[in-house]
Protein backbone atom coordinates (compact mmCIF):
# COMPACT_ATOMS: atom_id res chain seq x y z
CA UNK A 1 0.14 0.03 -0.32
CA UNK A 2 2.75 2.42 0.63
CA UNK A 3 4.06 1.75 -2.62
CA UNK A 4 1.01 3.32 -4.77
CA UNK A 5 1.73 7.03 -4.12
CA UNK A 6 5.08 6.87 -5.65
CA UNK A 7 3.99 4.28 -8.09
CA UNK A 8 1.08 7.30 -9.20
CA UNK A 9 3.23 10.15 -8.52
CA UNK A 10 5.40 7.93 -11.52
CA UNK A 11 2.38 7.65 -13.71
CA UNK A 12 1.69 11.11 -13.76
CA UNK A 13 5.55 12.45 -14.56
CA UNK A 14 5.38 10.02 -16.75
CA UNK A 15 2.00 11.59 -18.17
CA UNK A 16 2.96 14.76 -18.03
CA UNK A 17 6.20 13.86 -19.88
CA UNK A 18 4.52 12.48 -22.68
CA UNK A 19 1.69 15.45 -22.52
CA UNK A 20 4.35 18.16 -22.56
CA UNK A 21 6.35 16.23 -25.68
CA UNK A 22 2.47 16.14 -27.60
CA UNK A 23 2.44 19.57 -27.27
CA UNK A 24 6.30 21.04 -28.16
CA UNK A 25 5.84 18.35 -30.72
CA UNK A 26 2.42 20.10 -32.60
CA UNK A 27 3.88 23.36 -31.78
CA UNK A 28 7.09 22.17 -33.68
CA UNK A 29 5.41 20.28 -36.68
CA UNK A 30 2.77 23.90 -36.23
CA UNK A 31 5.85 26.05 -36.52
CA UNK A 32 6.97 23.62 -39.54
CA UNK A 33 4.02 24.67 -41.38
CA UNK A 34 4.05 27.81 -41.20
CA UNK A 35 7.83 27.98 -41.70
CA UNK A 36 7.19 28.73 -45.60
CA UNK A 37 7.27 32.43 -45.94
CA UNK A 38 4.70 33.23 -48.82
CA UNK A 39 5.33 35.58 -51.57
CA UNK A 40 3.26 35.68 -54.85
CA UNK A 41 5.42 36.31 -58.13
CA UNK A 42 2.68 38.56 -60.62
CA UNK A 43 4.70 37.68 -64.52
CA UNK A 44 4.14 39.57 -67.60
CA UNK A 45 2.65 37.17 -69.92
CA UNK A 46 1.19 33.97 -69.84
CA UNK A 47 2.95 30.46 -68.15
CA UNK A 48 6.44 30.13 -70.89
CA UNK A 49 9.60 29.49 -71.16
CA UNK A 50 10.58 33.37 -71.29
CA UNK A 51 9.85 32.77 -67.32
CA UNK A 52 11.91 28.94 -67.19
CA UNK A 53 14.13 30.92 -64.27
CA UNK A 54 11.12 31.11 -61.46
CA UNK A 55 9.43 27.54 -63.08
CA UNK A 56 12.69 25.62 -62.67
CA UNK A 57 13.31 27.34 -58.91
CA UNK A 58 9.34 26.10 -58.05
CA UNK A 59 9.80 22.62 -59.44
CA UNK A 60 13.32 21.79 -58.33
CA UNK A 61 13.27 23.13 -54.64
CA UNK A 62 14.93 26.09 -54.22
CA UNK A 63 12.79 28.31 -52.97
CA UNK A 64 11.74 25.66 -50.60
CA UNK A 65 15.09 26.31 -49.25
CA UNK A 66 15.51 28.78 -48.79
CA UNK A 67 11.74 28.64 -46.64
CA UNK A 68 9.50 30.63 -49.22
CA UNK A 69 5.76 29.51 -50.32
CA UNK A 70 6.01 31.26 -53.84
CA UNK A 71 2.92 31.12 -55.66
CA UNK A 72 3.99 32.50 -59.85
CA UNK A 73 0.86 34.24 -61.11
CA UNK A 74 0.49 33.75 -65.42
CA UNK A 75 0.11 37.53 -66.90
CA UNK A 76 -2.65 38.04 -69.95
CA UNK A 77 -3.21 39.88 -72.52
CA UNK A 78 -5.41 42.52 -70.11
CA UNK A 79 -3.40 41.90 -67.37
CA UNK A 80 -0.89 44.51 -65.89
CA UNK A 81 1.77 43.38 -64.37
CA UNK A 82 2.27 46.78 -62.06
CA UNK A 83 -2.12 47.89 -61.27
CA UNK A 84 -1.35 43.75 -59.55
CA UNK A 85 1.85 44.99 -57.72
CA UNK A 86 -0.32 48.14 -56.41
CA UNK A 87 -3.14 46.71 -55.94
CA UNK A 88 -1.97 43.73 -53.62
CA UNK A 89 -2.23 41.17 -55.90
CA UNK A 90 1.60 39.98 -56.02
CA UNK A 91 4.33 40.96 -53.97
CA UNK A 92 6.60 41.42 -57.28
CA UNK A 93 6.43 41.46 -60.86
CA UNK A 94 8.24 40.89 -63.87
CA UNK A 95 8.20 44.40 -66.41
CA UNK A 96 10.16 46.02 -69.05
CA UNK A 97 12.33 48.67 -67.82
CA UNK A 98 10.11 51.35 -70.33
CA UNK A 99 6.80 50.66 -68.88
CA UNK A 100 8.04 50.57 -65.24
CA UNK A 101 9.58 53.76 -65.44
CA UNK A 102 6.37 55.37 -67.57
CA UNK A 103 4.70 54.23 -64.08
CA UNK A 104 6.92 55.10 -62.02
CA UNK A 105 6.49 59.17 -63.38
CA UNK A 106 3.40 58.55 -63.25
CA UNK A 107 2.86 57.65 -59.81
CA UNK A 108 3.08 54.54 -59.64
CA UNK A 109 6.00 53.79 -56.91
CA UNK A 110 7.73 50.95 -58.04
CA UNK A 111 11.63 50.52 -57.64
CA UNK A 112 14.20 47.57 -59.75
CA UNK A 113 15.62 45.11 -57.24
CA UNK A 114 16.76 42.25 -59.45
CA UNK A 115 17.56 42.14 -64.04
CA UNK A 116 17.80 38.35 -64.92
CA UNK A 117 17.65 39.53 -68.66
CA UNK A 118 20.93 41.79 -70.17
CA UNK A 119 20.24 42.06 -73.24
CA UNK A 120 16.94 43.08 -75.09
CA UNK A 121 15.16 39.98 -77.98
CA UNK A 122 12.05 42.86 -79.19
CA UNK A 123 12.34 43.56 -82.77
CA UNK A 124 9.77 44.67 -85.79
CA UNK A 125 9.07 42.01 -88.42
CA UNK A 126 8.09 43.54 -91.83
CA UNK A 127 6.64 41.14 -95.03
CA UNK A 128 9.79 41.82 -97.68
CA UNK A 129 7.12 42.76 -100.30
CA UNK A 130 5.90 45.77 -99.01
CA UNK A 131 9.33 47.58 -100.36
CA UNK A 132 10.41 48.18 -95.95
CA UNK A 133 14.69 48.04 -96.32
CA UNK A 134 15.07 50.52 -93.74
CA UNK A 135 13.55 52.44 -90.89
CA UNK A 136 13.05 55.53 -93.59
CA UNK A 137 10.46 53.18 -95.37
CA UNK A 138 8.37 53.22 -92.53
CA UNK A 139 6.63 56.48 -93.59
CA UNK A 140 2.77 55.98 -95.00
CA UNK A 141 3.11 52.18 -93.19
CA UNK A 142 0.89 50.65 -90.68
CA UNK A 143 2.98 49.37 -87.62
CA UNK A 144 1.80 47.21 -85.17
CA UNK A 145 2.61 46.20 -81.69
CA UNK A 146 0.96 45.27 -79.13
CA UNK A 147 -0.41 47.95 -75.53
CA UNK A 148 -0.16 48.16 -72.05
CA UNK A 149 3.07 49.42 -72.00
CA UNK A 150 4.75 47.17 -73.90
CA UNK A 151 3.58 50.07 -76.69
CA UNK A 152 6.48 52.40 -75.61
CA UNK A 153 9.94 51.54 -77.15
CA UNK A 154 8.06 51.95 -81.14
CA UNK A 155 6.87 55.05 -79.96
CA UNK A 156 10.65 56.18 -78.63
CA UNK A 157 12.25 54.77 -81.65
CA UNK A 158 9.60 56.87 -83.74
CA UNK A 159 10.32 59.68 -81.48
CA UNK A 160 13.94 59.74 -82.22
CA UNK A 161 13.05 58.70 -85.96
CA UNK A 162 10.98 62.17 -86.32
CA UNK A 163 8.41 60.43 -87.48
CA UNK A 164 4.97 61.18 -86.05
CA UNK A 165 2.69 57.90 -84.76
CA UNK A 166 -0.65 59.30 -85.18
CA UNK A 167 -0.98 58.23 -89.18
CA UNK A 168 -0.26 61.56 -90.31
CA UNK A 169 1.15 62.94 -93.18
CA UNK A 170 4.55 62.18 -93.44
CA UNK A 171 4.65 59.48 -90.64
CA UNK A 172 3.32 56.24 -89.37
CA UNK A 173 -0.03 54.16 -88.40
CA UNK A 174 0.70 52.50 -84.61
CA UNK A 175 -2.25 49.76 -84.81
CA UNK A 176 -2.57 47.81 -81.71
CA UNK A 177 -2.75 44.28 -82.59
CA UNK A 178 -3.29 41.48 -80.28
CA UNK A 179 -0.30 39.30 -78.96
CA UNK A 180 -0.27 37.04 -81.80
CA UNK A 181 0.82 38.14 -85.74
CA UNK A 182 -2.15 37.52 -87.09
CA UNK A 183 -2.48 41.52 -88.34
CA UNK A 184 1.30 41.03 -90.34
CA UNK A 185 0.18 37.48 -92.09
CA UNK A 186 -3.60 38.61 -92.71
CA UNK A 187 -1.96 42.25 -94.17
CA UNK A 188 -3.18 44.32 -92.05
CA UNK A 189 -0.13 45.74 -90.97
CA UNK A 190 3.06 46.01 -92.52
CA UNK A 191 5.26 44.96 -89.76
CA UNK A 192 4.48 43.53 -85.70
CA UNK A 193 6.30 44.09 -82.81
CA UNK A 194 7.39 40.53 -82.78
CA UNK A 195 10.57 38.95 -80.17
CA UNK A 196 12.85 36.84 -81.13
CA UNK A 197 12.30 33.70 -78.96
CA UNK A 198 8.26 33.54 -79.64
CA UNK A 199 6.11 35.70 -82.72
CA UNK A 200 9.29 35.30 -85.31
CA UNK A 201 8.96 31.40 -84.86
CA UNK A 202 5.39 31.79 -84.70
CA UNK A 203 5.71 33.74 -88.65
CA UNK A 204 8.16 31.25 -89.43
CA UNK A 205 6.02 28.05 -88.59
CA UNK A 206 3.20 30.08 -90.68
CA UNK A 207 5.22 29.22 -93.82
CA UNK A 208 6.82 32.48 -94.11
CA UNK A 209 10.66 31.89 -94.39
CA UNK A 210 13.21 34.77 -93.41
CA UNK A 211 14.19 36.21 -97.26
CA UNK A 212 10.12 36.65 -96.71
CA UNK A 213 10.78 39.17 -93.99
CA UNK A 214 12.84 42.49 -93.55
CA UNK A 215 13.63 42.06 -89.41
CA UNK A 216 14.73 45.02 -87.20
CA UNK A 217 16.23 44.61 -83.63
CA UNK A 218 16.39 47.60 -81.43
CA UNK A 219 19.63 46.87 -79.62
CA UNK A 220 20.80 46.80 -83.84
CA UNK A 221 18.93 50.25 -84.14
CA UNK A 222 20.55 52.06 -81.45
CA UNK A 223 17.14 51.39 -79.00
CA UNK A 224 18.62 48.75 -76.46
CA UNK A 225 16.06 49.05 -73.71
CA UNK A 226 16.25 46.72 -70.61
CA UNK A 227 13.34 43.95 -70.77
CA UNK A 228 12.12 41.43 -67.72
CA UNK A 229 13.50 43.06 -64.58
CA UNK A 230 12.48 41.79 -61.44
CA UNK A 231 9.90 44.62 -59.35
CA UNK A 232 8.48 45.86 -56.10
CA UNK A 233 6.82 48.60 -54.25
CA UNK A 234 8.35 50.89 -52.30
CA UNK A 235 6.67 50.08 -48.75
CA UNK A 236 8.08 46.20 -49.72
CA UNK A 237 11.28 47.94 -48.96
CA UNK A 238 11.13 49.62 -46.41
CA UNK A 239 9.72 46.51 -44.45
CA UNK A 240 12.42 44.27 -43.64
CA UNK A 241 10.36 41.51 -42.91
CA UNK A 242 9.72 41.41 -46.78
CA UNK A 243 13.31 42.66 -47.98
CA UNK A 244 14.51 39.07 -45.87
CA UNK A 245 11.97 37.51 -48.38
CA UNK A 246 12.97 39.38 -51.28
CA UNK A 247 16.42 38.67 -51.02
CA UNK A 248 16.15 34.89 -50.68
CA UNK A 249 13.07 35.22 -53.87
CA UNK A 250 15.97 36.84 -55.37
CA UNK A 251 18.66 34.25 -54.61
CA UNK A 252 16.65 31.60 -55.69
CA UNK A 253 15.37 33.02 -58.38
CA UNK A 254 18.82 33.45 -60.41
CA UNK A 255 19.61 29.80 -59.03
CA UNK A 256 16.53 29.09 -61.64
CA UNK A 257 17.89 31.22 -64.14
CA UNK A 258 21.00 29.63 -64.22
CA UNK A 259 20.19 26.17 -64.10
CA UNK A 260 17.66 26.84 -66.98
CA UNK A 261 20.95 28.37 -68.48
CA UNK A 262 22.02 24.90 -68.70
CA UNK A 263 19.53 22.76 -68.96
CA UNK A 264 17.47 24.59 -72.13
CA UNK A 265 15.40 21.02 -72.40
CA UNK A 266 15.01 20.37 -68.88
CA UNK A 267 13.68 23.96 -68.45
CA UNK A 268 11.24 24.50 -71.34
CA UNK A 269 9.49 21.01 -69.85
CA UNK A 270 9.06 21.62 -66.64
CA UNK A 271 7.31 24.85 -67.74
CA UNK A 272 4.98 22.56 -69.81
CA UNK A 273 4.55 20.94 -67.21
CA UNK A 274 3.71 24.45 -65.32
CA UNK A 275 1.03 25.14 -68.42
CA UNK A 276 -2.88 24.82 -66.67
CA UNK A 277 -3.49 25.24 -70.22
CA UNK A 278 -1.95 23.17 -72.21
CA UNK A 279 -1.56 25.66 -75.18
CA UNK A 280 1.96 25.59 -75.09
CA UNK A 281 4.25 22.81 -77.14
CA UNK A 282 7.38 21.00 -76.55
CA UNK A 283 8.99 22.10 -79.80
CA UNK A 284 7.72 26.06 -79.71
CA UNK A 285 8.99 25.98 -75.61
CA UNK A 286 12.40 24.20 -76.64
CA UNK A 287 12.89 26.32 -79.02
CA UNK A 288 12.39 30.09 -77.23
CA UNK A 289 13.71 28.63 -74.29
CA UNK A 290 16.91 28.31 -76.40
CA UNK A 291 16.90 31.85 -77.03
CA UNK A 292 15.88 33.00 -73.29
CA UNK A 293 18.98 31.88 -71.93
CA UNK A 294 21.25 33.93 -74.86
CA UNK A 295 19.16 37.06 -73.11
CA UNK A 296 19.93 36.37 -69.31
CA UNK A 297 22.93 35.25 -70.40
CA UNK A 298 26.11 37.14 -68.07
CA UNK A 299 23.33 38.57 -65.78
CA UNK A 300 23.61 37.86 -62.46
CA UNK A 301 20.60 39.47 -61.70
CA UNK A 302 22.17 42.99 -60.59
CA UNK A 303 21.42 45.09 -62.21
CA UNK A 304 23.94 47.36 -64.27
CA UNK A 305 23.77 50.49 -63.68
CA UNK A 306 25.47 51.81 -67.29
CA UNK A 307 22.65 49.43 -68.50
CA UNK A 308 20.19 51.25 -66.80
CA UNK A 309 21.37 54.80 -67.06
CA UNK A 310 21.62 54.02 -71.51
CA UNK A 311 17.54 52.67 -71.08
CA UNK A 312 16.99 56.30 -69.46
CA UNK A 313 18.61 58.36 -72.06
CA UNK A 314 16.74 56.35 -75.03
CA UNK A 315 13.49 57.00 -73.38
CA UNK A 316 14.21 60.51 -72.19
CA UNK A 317 15.55 61.68 -76.06
CA UNK A 318 12.13 60.84 -76.91
CA UNK A 319 10.29 62.14 -73.66
CA UNK A 320 6.94 62.88 -75.68
CA UNK A 321 6.46 59.63 -76.24
CA UNK A 322 8.30 56.88 -73.89
CA UNK A 323 6.71 59.00 -71.05
CA UNK A 324 9.53 59.41 -69.25
CA UNK A 325 10.77 63.20 -69.30
CA UNK A 326 13.10 63.65 -66.31
CA UNK A 327 16.04 60.87 -64.85
CA UNK A 328 13.93 58.87 -62.04
CA UNK A 329 15.13 59.28 -58.67
CA UNK A 330 14.87 56.12 -56.62
CA UNK A 331 13.53 53.71 -59.63
CA UNK A 332 16.39 50.94 -58.83
CA UNK A 333 18.54 49.32 -55.94
CA UNK A 334 21.70 46.96 -55.74
CA UNK A 335 20.09 46.29 -51.62
CA UNK A 336 18.68 42.85 -53.18
CA UNK A 337 21.11 42.04 -54.64
CA UNK A 338 24.22 42.43 -52.94
CA UNK A 339 21.87 40.69 -50.40
CA UNK A 340 21.19 37.68 -52.24
CA UNK A 341 24.01 37.21 -53.98
CA UNK A 342 27.22 37.93 -51.83
């Protein structure tokens, strides 16, 4: 009888230890579940190899390794990334610098935090049958381009050429087109905006040959403007917790981009696996990834100030059409990449 209280106490102690262990286990389990910080990326366009680095980082677990739970939101013809970012629908967006700087001058406090793309893939593709051999032949022609900020490079170029874009005598007509080459193929426009990695190949796949076309690469015309940078808001950069997430996001994203460069076919297949629409094809995505790798080559993710300055000067040289009339202040930062790449 005298041993009973001791036995009870022992059993109670064992029970308490088990309860404490269970409670700690639940707490640790809950902490593990909450350890991954959420971050949302808004793409500039639909799921395709143009954004392979981000999908590779997601698929390969690079974001997970950084303690991030990343959601990638595809874009589309009716989605303006800056509006999504400013509306709180994303923490980071992919955008071209011309449209981002124009938006900043218009009042959107957005900041470039990384620049995975080193080179531009923008072109103007014309049907040779229209007799266009140089930009001097644009006068009197109809040029098709995308809008939602994508028209700024073309308008900037025309502004530098001194060509009115309003269809007036001696100028050109700029026609808004959808994100395909049908207007060019149907000869509704004489030239259309294309990318080295996408629409140009749609023209070729439609049955035309390079000999049927005259192609003007913007970089060859002195209009080398930065594309596909990563942007966030000034408010996000003022938040230490979000800044920490952005550092980890950029580090993992650049790891994804360099993996995609080194393994283009695998990267293309990862993109296809993430295409919920099923609209993309293996051949097109592999070809696209091969071209995209040329544009990201040479970038470690940090914005080159010289590239930035060149873009600003080009835009300011045609301020009336570019939407950038003065040198921006605070439009970019190395703070994120300095921490991410060290």
